[in-house]
N, C-alpha and C. Protein backbone atom coordinates (compact mmCIF):
# COMPACT_ATOMS: atom_id res chain seq x y z
N MET A 1 -36.13 -56.08 59.49
CA MET A 1 -34.85 -55.54 59.79
C MET A 1 -33.70 -56.52 60.21
N ARG A 2 -32.66 -56.54 59.64
CA ARG A 2 -31.63 -57.63 59.95
C ARG A 2 -30.53 -57.05 60.78
N TYR A 3 -30.15 -57.75 61.72
CA TYR A 3 -29.08 -57.19 62.67
C TYR A 3 -27.73 -57.79 61.98
N ASP A 4 -26.55 -57.03 62.15
CA ASP A 4 -25.23 -57.26 61.60
C ASP A 4 -24.58 -58.17 62.71
N PRO A 5 -24.39 -59.36 62.56
CA PRO A 5 -23.67 -60.32 63.60
C PRO A 5 -22.21 -59.70 63.92
N GLY A 6 -21.67 -59.16 62.88
CA GLY A 6 -20.24 -58.46 63.07
C GLY A 6 -20.28 -57.49 64.08
N GLY A 7 -21.24 -56.65 63.99
CA GLY A 7 -21.30 -55.51 64.89
C GLY A 7 -21.62 -56.00 66.26
N LEU A 8 -22.39 -57.00 66.51
CA LEU A 8 -22.61 -57.37 67.80
C LEU A 8 -21.50 -58.18 68.41
N LEU A 9 -20.97 -59.02 67.51
CA LEU A 9 -19.43 -59.66 68.00
C LEU A 9 -18.49 -58.54 68.39
N PHE A 10 -18.43 -57.58 67.56
CA PHE A 10 -17.49 -56.47 67.96
C PHE A 10 -17.61 -55.84 69.42
N ALA A 11 -19.06 -55.50 69.54
CA ALA A 11 -19.37 -54.95 70.82
C ALA A 11 -19.23 -55.81 72.06
N ALA A 12 -19.53 -57.15 71.83
CA ALA A 12 -19.30 -58.19 72.79
C ALA A 12 -17.86 -58.35 73.14
N LEU A 13 -16.92 -58.38 72.07
CA LEU A 13 -15.53 -58.54 72.30
C LEU A 13 -15.02 -57.26 73.11
N GLY A 14 -15.44 -55.99 72.82
CA GLY A 14 -15.11 -54.86 73.56
C GLY A 14 -15.43 -54.99 74.91
N LEU A 15 -16.65 -55.32 75.28
CA LEU A 15 -17.09 -55.55 76.69
C LEU A 15 -16.24 -56.52 77.37
N VAL A 16 -15.83 -57.68 76.87
CA VAL A 16 -15.14 -58.64 77.32
C VAL A 16 -13.71 -58.09 77.69
N LEU A 17 -13.05 -57.38 76.72
CA LEU A 17 -11.70 -56.68 76.86
C LEU A 17 -11.80 -55.65 78.12
N VAL A 18 -12.88 -54.84 78.18
CA VAL A 18 -12.95 -53.93 79.30
C VAL A 18 -13.06 -54.63 80.53
N ALA A 19 -13.88 -55.71 80.67
CA ALA A 19 -13.90 -56.40 81.95
C ALA A 19 -12.60 -57.04 82.28
N VAL A 20 -11.90 -57.59 81.37
CA VAL A 20 -10.56 -58.29 81.63
C VAL A 20 -9.64 -57.28 82.12
N GLY A 21 -9.76 -56.07 81.36
CA GLY A 21 -8.56 -54.97 81.86
C GLY A 21 -9.04 -54.38 83.11
N CYS A 22 -10.27 -54.39 83.52
CA CYS A 22 -10.60 -53.92 84.94
C CYS A 22 -10.05 -54.84 86.05
N VAL A 23 -10.20 -56.19 85.72
CA VAL A 23 -9.65 -57.11 86.65
C VAL A 23 -8.21 -57.33 86.66
N TRP A 24 -7.57 -57.13 85.62
CA TRP A 24 -6.15 -57.35 85.41
C TRP A 24 -5.36 -56.03 85.97
N ARG A 25 -5.95 -54.88 85.78
CA ARG A 25 -5.28 -53.75 86.13
C ARG A 25 -5.10 -53.77 87.76
N GLY A 26 -5.94 -54.28 88.52
CA GLY A 26 -5.78 -54.38 89.88
C GLY A 26 -4.66 -55.28 90.29
N ARG A 27 -4.31 -56.21 89.53
CA ARG A 27 -3.30 -57.20 89.90
C ARG A 27 -1.82 -56.73 89.49
N VAL A 28 -1.85 -55.81 88.41
CA VAL A 28 -0.61 -55.43 87.97
C VAL A 28 0.26 -54.40 88.93
N LEU A 29 -0.73 -53.57 89.52
CA LEU A 29 -0.08 -52.56 90.25
C LEU A 29 0.37 -53.22 91.64
N ARG A 30 1.53 -52.72 92.01
CA ARG A 30 2.18 -53.23 93.13
C ARG A 30 1.44 -52.70 94.34
N PRO A 31 1.24 -53.43 95.59
CA PRO A 31 0.56 -52.76 96.61
C PRO A 31 1.35 -51.71 97.24
N LEU A 32 0.71 -50.73 97.72
CA LEU A 32 1.41 -49.59 98.57
C LEU A 32 2.18 -50.00 99.65
N SER A 33 3.41 -49.55 99.77
CA SER A 33 4.27 -49.88 100.71
C SER A 33 4.72 -48.59 101.33
N VAL A 34 4.63 -48.64 102.66
CA VAL A 34 5.12 -47.46 103.52
C VAL A 34 6.54 -47.05 103.28
N LYS A 35 7.31 -48.04 103.18
CA LYS A 35 8.79 -47.91 103.05
C LYS A 35 9.08 -47.22 101.61
N ARG A 36 8.49 -47.52 100.58
CA ARG A 36 8.62 -46.99 99.16
C ARG A 36 8.04 -45.50 99.33
N ALA A 37 6.93 -45.30 99.86
CA ALA A 37 6.42 -44.05 100.02
C ALA A 37 7.41 -42.99 100.87
N GLU A 38 7.88 -43.50 101.70
CA GLU A 38 8.79 -42.59 102.50
C GLU A 38 10.09 -42.17 101.75
N GLU A 39 10.59 -43.33 100.98
CA GLU A 39 11.76 -43.24 99.99
C GLU A 39 11.41 -42.16 99.08
N ALA A 40 10.19 -42.21 98.47
CA ALA A 40 9.82 -41.37 97.48
C ALA A 40 9.79 -39.93 97.91
N ALA A 41 9.22 -39.83 99.18
CA ALA A 41 9.13 -38.59 99.84
C ALA A 41 10.50 -37.81 100.13
N VAL A 42 11.42 -38.71 100.46
CA VAL A 42 12.75 -38.18 100.79
C VAL A 42 13.44 -37.69 99.47
N ARG A 43 13.36 -38.67 98.41
CA ARG A 43 13.80 -38.20 96.96
C ARG A 43 13.20 -36.81 96.54
N ASP A 44 11.86 -36.79 96.68
CA ASP A 44 11.29 -35.54 96.26
C ASP A 44 11.75 -34.25 97.00
N ARG A 45 11.90 -34.36 98.31
CA ARG A 45 12.40 -33.20 99.14
C ARG A 45 13.80 -32.96 98.82
N SER A 46 14.60 -33.82 98.51
CA SER A 46 16.11 -33.62 98.15
C SER A 46 16.03 -32.96 96.80
N ARG A 47 15.25 -33.37 95.97
CA ARG A 47 15.41 -32.89 94.57
C ARG A 47 14.70 -31.46 94.56
N ASN A 48 13.71 -31.28 95.35
CA ASN A 48 13.06 -29.84 95.52
C ASN A 48 14.16 -28.88 96.17
N LEU A 49 14.72 -29.41 97.07
CA LEU A 49 15.78 -28.56 97.77
C LEU A 49 16.98 -28.06 96.82
N ARG A 50 17.45 -29.05 95.97
CA ARG A 50 18.30 -28.77 94.98
C ARG A 50 17.82 -27.76 93.95
N ARG A 51 16.47 -27.83 93.54
CA ARG A 51 15.95 -26.83 92.76
C ARG A 51 15.91 -25.60 93.25
N ALA A 52 15.67 -25.52 94.67
CA ALA A 52 15.41 -24.26 95.23
C ALA A 52 16.88 -23.68 95.44
N ALA A 53 17.87 -24.33 95.57
CA ALA A 53 19.28 -23.91 95.52
C ALA A 53 19.69 -23.22 94.18
N ASP A 54 19.22 -24.01 93.14
CA ASP A 54 19.47 -23.51 91.74
C ASP A 54 18.64 -22.22 91.62
N MET A 55 17.47 -22.00 92.02
CA MET A 55 16.72 -20.67 92.02
C MET A 55 17.33 -19.68 92.78
N ALA A 56 18.06 -19.99 93.88
CA ALA A 56 18.44 -18.95 94.87
C ALA A 56 19.83 -18.52 94.13
N ILE A 57 20.54 -19.39 93.35
CA ILE A 57 21.71 -19.02 92.88
C ILE A 57 21.41 -18.07 91.64
N ALA A 58 20.30 -18.44 90.95
CA ALA A 58 19.95 -17.65 89.62
C ALA A 58 19.51 -16.17 90.02
N GLU A 59 18.79 -16.26 91.22
CA GLU A 59 18.21 -14.91 91.80
C GLU A 59 19.48 -14.14 92.28
N ALA A 60 20.32 -14.83 93.08
CA ALA A 60 21.70 -13.85 93.39
C ALA A 60 22.40 -13.30 92.12
N ARG A 61 22.47 -14.23 91.24
CA ARG A 61 23.06 -13.79 90.06
C ARG A 61 22.45 -12.57 89.29
N ARG A 62 21.12 -12.51 89.35
CA ARG A 62 20.42 -11.48 88.71
C ARG A 62 20.45 -10.22 89.57
N ARG A 63 20.44 -10.33 90.95
CA ARG A 63 20.68 -9.28 91.82
C ARG A 63 22.02 -8.59 91.72
N ALA A 64 22.87 -9.29 91.37
CA ALA A 64 24.40 -8.76 91.50
C ALA A 64 24.64 -7.85 90.36
N THR A 65 25.44 -6.75 90.67
CA THR A 65 25.76 -5.76 89.69
C THR A 65 26.97 -6.26 88.97
N ARG A 66 27.22 -5.77 87.84
CA ARG A 66 28.50 -6.13 86.99
C ARG A 66 29.64 -5.99 87.71
N GLY A 67 30.35 -6.99 87.74
CA GLY A 67 31.76 -6.90 88.38
C GLY A 67 31.84 -7.32 89.87
N GLU A 68 30.62 -7.56 90.50
CA GLU A 68 30.84 -7.98 91.97
C GLU A 68 30.19 -9.31 91.86
N PRO A 69 30.55 -10.15 92.89
CA PRO A 69 30.19 -11.63 93.02
C PRO A 69 28.72 -11.67 93.58
N ALA A 70 28.09 -12.74 93.14
CA ALA A 70 26.73 -13.00 93.50
C ALA A 70 26.70 -13.51 94.88
N ILE A 71 26.00 -13.24 95.90
CA ILE A 71 25.97 -13.80 97.29
C ILE A 71 24.94 -14.60 97.40
N VAL A 72 25.12 -15.81 97.72
CA VAL A 72 23.97 -16.90 97.80
C VAL A 72 24.10 -17.31 99.42
N THR A 73 23.10 -17.22 100.12
CA THR A 73 23.21 -17.72 101.59
C THR A 73 22.35 -19.00 101.66
N VAL A 74 22.55 -19.69 102.78
CA VAL A 74 21.64 -20.80 103.10
C VAL A 74 20.31 -20.35 103.30
N ALA A 75 20.02 -19.05 103.99
CA ALA A 75 18.75 -18.35 104.26
C ALA A 75 18.15 -18.25 103.02
N ASP A 76 18.66 -18.00 101.87
CA ASP A 76 18.12 -17.75 100.72
C ASP A 76 17.38 -19.04 100.03
N VAL A 77 18.23 -20.13 100.24
CA VAL A 77 17.65 -21.45 99.91
C VAL A 77 16.59 -21.92 100.82
N THR A 78 16.62 -21.68 101.95
CA THR A 78 15.32 -21.96 102.85
C THR A 78 14.23 -21.13 102.57
N ARG A 79 14.46 -19.79 102.27
CA ARG A 79 13.48 -18.96 101.84
C ARG A 79 12.74 -19.48 100.69
N VAL A 80 13.50 -19.77 99.61
CA VAL A 80 12.98 -20.03 98.23
C VAL A 80 12.20 -21.43 98.53
N ALA A 81 12.72 -22.43 99.21
CA ALA A 81 12.23 -23.74 99.37
C ALA A 81 10.79 -23.60 100.16
N CYS A 82 10.76 -22.71 101.17
CA CYS A 82 9.46 -22.51 101.87
C CYS A 82 8.37 -21.91 100.84
N ARG A 83 8.91 -20.73 100.18
CA ARG A 83 7.93 -20.02 99.51
C ARG A 83 7.62 -20.74 98.17
N HIS A 84 8.45 -21.34 97.41
CA HIS A 84 8.24 -22.10 96.16
C HIS A 84 7.34 -23.66 96.36
N TYR A 85 8.07 -24.32 97.20
CA TYR A 85 7.59 -25.58 97.42
C TYR A 85 6.79 -25.83 98.67
N GLY A 86 6.47 -24.78 99.54
CA GLY A 86 5.38 -24.90 100.56
C GLY A 86 5.94 -25.56 101.83
N TYR A 87 7.33 -25.77 101.98
CA TYR A 87 7.73 -26.49 103.04
C TYR A 87 7.73 -25.60 104.31
N ALA A 88 7.06 -26.21 105.48
CA ALA A 88 6.86 -25.50 106.54
C ALA A 88 8.36 -25.14 107.33
N ALA A 89 9.19 -26.06 107.29
CA ALA A 89 10.43 -26.04 107.92
C ALA A 89 11.53 -26.70 107.07
N VAL A 90 12.62 -25.88 106.85
CA VAL A 90 13.74 -26.60 106.12
C VAL A 90 14.96 -26.70 107.07
N GLY A 91 15.48 -27.67 107.43
CA GLY A 91 16.56 -27.63 108.39
C GLY A 91 17.83 -27.02 107.77
N ARG A 92 18.79 -26.43 108.49
CA ARG A 92 19.97 -25.77 108.00
C ARG A 92 20.89 -26.67 107.24
N GLU A 93 20.92 -27.85 107.81
CA GLU A 93 21.85 -28.77 107.35
C GLU A 93 21.42 -29.30 105.94
N GLU A 94 20.12 -29.53 105.77
CA GLU A 94 19.60 -29.95 104.32
C GLU A 94 19.78 -28.69 103.41
N ALA A 95 19.54 -27.55 103.88
CA ALA A 95 19.78 -26.50 102.88
C ALA A 95 21.20 -26.25 102.43
N THR A 96 22.13 -26.36 103.55
CA THR A 96 23.47 -26.37 103.16
C THR A 96 23.89 -27.28 102.35
N ALA A 97 23.45 -28.71 102.57
CA ALA A 97 23.95 -29.75 101.72
C ALA A 97 23.56 -29.44 100.26
N ALA A 98 22.24 -28.96 100.03
CA ALA A 98 21.74 -28.79 98.60
C ALA A 98 22.58 -27.62 98.10
N LEU A 99 22.86 -26.54 98.90
CA LEU A 99 23.43 -25.28 98.10
C LEU A 99 24.82 -25.83 97.86
N ARG A 100 25.69 -26.55 98.67
CA ARG A 100 27.00 -26.95 98.43
C ARG A 100 27.06 -27.78 97.18
N ARG A 101 26.11 -28.59 96.94
CA ARG A 101 26.06 -29.53 95.79
C ARG A 101 25.71 -28.69 94.53
N ARG A 102 24.97 -27.80 94.60
CA ARG A 102 24.46 -27.06 93.29
C ARG A 102 25.48 -25.97 93.07
N PHE A 103 26.12 -25.51 94.16
CA PHE A 103 27.16 -24.59 93.98
C PHE A 103 28.45 -25.23 93.24
N GLU A 104 28.77 -26.46 93.60
CA GLU A 104 29.80 -27.14 92.83
C GLU A 104 29.48 -27.53 91.45
N ASP A 105 28.14 -27.94 91.27
CA ASP A 105 27.83 -28.31 89.99
C ASP A 105 27.52 -27.23 88.99
N ALA A 106 27.23 -26.14 89.51
CA ALA A 106 26.92 -25.01 88.75
C ALA A 106 28.30 -24.01 88.33
N ASP A 107 29.35 -24.58 88.97
CA ASP A 107 30.66 -23.94 88.87
C ASP A 107 30.56 -22.49 89.32
N CYS A 108 30.07 -22.29 90.45
CA CYS A 108 29.94 -20.87 90.94
C CYS A 108 31.18 -20.26 91.61
N TRP A 109 32.21 -21.13 91.69
CA TRP A 109 33.51 -20.61 92.27
C TRP A 109 33.95 -19.33 91.65
N ARG A 110 33.79 -18.92 90.54
CA ARG A 110 34.31 -17.92 89.80
C ARG A 110 33.51 -16.64 89.88
N ASP A 111 32.17 -16.66 90.20
CA ASP A 111 31.35 -15.46 90.19
C ASP A 111 30.27 -15.43 91.43
N CYS A 112 30.33 -16.28 92.26
CA CYS A 112 29.54 -16.36 93.40
C CYS A 112 30.22 -16.58 94.88
N MET A 113 29.64 -16.20 95.87
CA MET A 113 30.00 -16.46 97.11
C MET A 113 28.99 -17.07 97.98
N THR A 114 29.32 -17.80 99.03
CA THR A 114 28.27 -18.49 99.91
C THR A 114 28.78 -18.76 101.22
N ASP A 115 27.85 -18.79 102.09
CA ASP A 115 28.20 -19.29 103.55
C ASP A 115 27.99 -20.69 103.74
N ALA A 116 27.67 -21.71 102.74
CA ALA A 116 27.58 -22.95 102.90
C ALA A 116 28.94 -23.62 103.25
N PHE A 117 30.02 -23.11 103.01
CA PHE A 117 31.17 -23.80 103.31
C PHE A 117 31.89 -23.41 104.44
N GLY A 118 31.43 -22.43 105.22
CA GLY A 118 31.91 -21.84 106.25
C GLY A 118 31.67 -22.48 107.65
């Protein structure tokens, strides 16, 4: 029985590439940084609060009857953030800032009311 040297060479080359990839992969990744992790957590929380404000606005618009404005409160944003994203506590300032930003971005002045500006 004859062995094919091409197949053996192909398998050896594959093993070498896997070994090089394992060694090189560890060097390519940047080491973990506490500062970067904290910044990412702040960005995620801010993004999630803005999404919670969007959800609260959409929910208020669905609840509103025809001809009356949708009423969105900071408490609605806090409730949605806690329920949907699992935050144990959301500060009123954070929720107010997120609601203000999304309220202005979504052009809610014509069909919504909020307590975020009072």
